[in-house]
Amino acid sequence: MGRVFLSPRMGVRFTAERWRRLGRTLRERDRVALDRLAGMAMAHGSEGFYAFDDSLEAALVSTLVDLAREVG
C-alpha cells in the first residue's frame, strides 16, 4: 500500500469544511461569520499550495489576508 499525500490545497478545503460543520452548532449570526471565514480560507487555497506545506497555515494566512484587506 502506498502513502496518501494530502496536498495543502486539499487540506485547506477539508479545514474549511470542518469549520463549516462547526457552524451548524452555532447561532445564526455566528454561523454566517464562520461560513464567511471558511470561504476566505478557500479563496487562496491554490496560492497556499505553492507557499505552505501545512494546510492549516495556508487556511489561516488566506483568511488573514482577506480580513486585512477589509480593514485596510
Protein backbone atom coordinates (compact mmCIF):
# COMPACT_ATOMS: atom_id res chain seq x y z
CA MET A 1 0.00 0.00 0.00
CA GLY A 2 1.22 3.45 -0.84
CA ARG A 3 1.12 6.53 1.26
CA VAL A 4 -1.65 9.02 0.85
CA PHE A 5 -0.39 12.56 0.37
CA LEU A 6 -2.83 15.32 1.19
CA SER A 7 -1.87 18.44 -0.72
CA PRO A 8 -2.17 21.77 1.09
CA ARG A 9 -4.93 22.72 -1.37
CA MET A 10 -6.99 19.69 -0.37
CA GLY A 11 -6.12 20.26 3.27
CA VAL A 12 -7.42 23.84 3.10
CA ARG A 13 -10.67 22.56 1.62
CA PHE A 14 -11.04 19.94 4.36
CA THR A 15 -10.24 22.54 7.04
CA ALA A 16 -12.86 24.93 5.65
CA GLU A 17 -15.40 22.10 5.55
CA ARG A 18 -14.68 21.30 9.23
CA TRP A 19 -15.15 24.98 10.09
CA ARG A 20 -18.50 24.97 8.28
CA ARG A 21 -19.51 21.76 10.08
CA LEU A 22 -18.79 23.51 13.40
CA GLY A 23 -21.04 26.33 12.22
CA ARG A 24 -24.06 24.05 12.35
CA THR A 25 -23.77 24.05 16.16
CA LEU A 26 -23.64 27.84 16.45
CA ARG A 27 -26.24 30.58 16.49
CA GLU A 28 -27.25 32.00 13.12
CA ARG A 29 -25.08 35.14 13.17
CA ASP A 30 -22.04 33.15 14.33
CA ARG A 31 -22.74 30.52 11.68
CA VAL A 32 -22.78 33.21 9.00
CA ALA A 33 -19.48 34.64 10.26
CA LEU A 34 -17.83 31.21 10.38
CA ASP A 35 -19.09 30.37 6.90
CA ARG A 36 -17.58 33.61 5.67
CA LEU A 37 -14.24 32.74 7.28
CA ALA A 38 -14.34 29.30 5.66
CA GLY A 39 -14.88 30.97 2.29
CA MET A 40 -11.95 33.28 2.94
CA ALA A 41 -9.77 30.28 3.78
CA MET A 42 -10.63 28.65 0.46
CA ALA A 43 -10.19 31.85 -1.56
CA HIS A 44 -6.41 31.48 -1.75
CA GLY A 45 -6.07 27.72 -1.34
CA SER A 46 -4.34 27.34 -4.68
CA GLU A 47 -1.79 30.03 -3.86
CA GLY A 48 -1.16 28.42 -0.49
CA PHE A 49 -0.24 25.25 -2.37
CA TYR A 50 2.94 26.97 -3.59
CA ALA A 51 3.96 28.59 -0.31
CA PHE A 52 2.99 26.26 2.54
CA ASP A 53 3.39 22.62 3.47
CA ASP A 54 0.87 22.96 6.28
CA SER A 55 -2.75 23.27 5.17
CA LEU A 56 -3.85 24.96 8.41
CA GLU A 57 -1.20 27.64 7.92
CA ALA A 58 -2.40 28.16 4.35
CA ALA A 59 -6.02 28.46 5.53
CA LEU A 60 -5.16 30.92 8.29
CA VAL A 61 -2.96 33.12 6.09
CA SER A 62 -5.64 33.17 3.41
CA THR A 63 -8.24 34.21 5.97
CA LEU A 64 -5.97 36.88 7.45
CA VAL A 65 -5.22 38.34 4.00
CA ASP A 66 -8.92 38.80 3.30
CA LEU A 67 -9.57 40.26 6.75
CA ALA A 68 -6.64 42.68 6.41
CA ARG A 69 -7.91 43.77 3.00
CA GLU A 70 -11.33 44.53 4.52
CA VAL A 71 -9.83 46.54 7.38
CA GLY A 72 -7.33 48.47 5.28
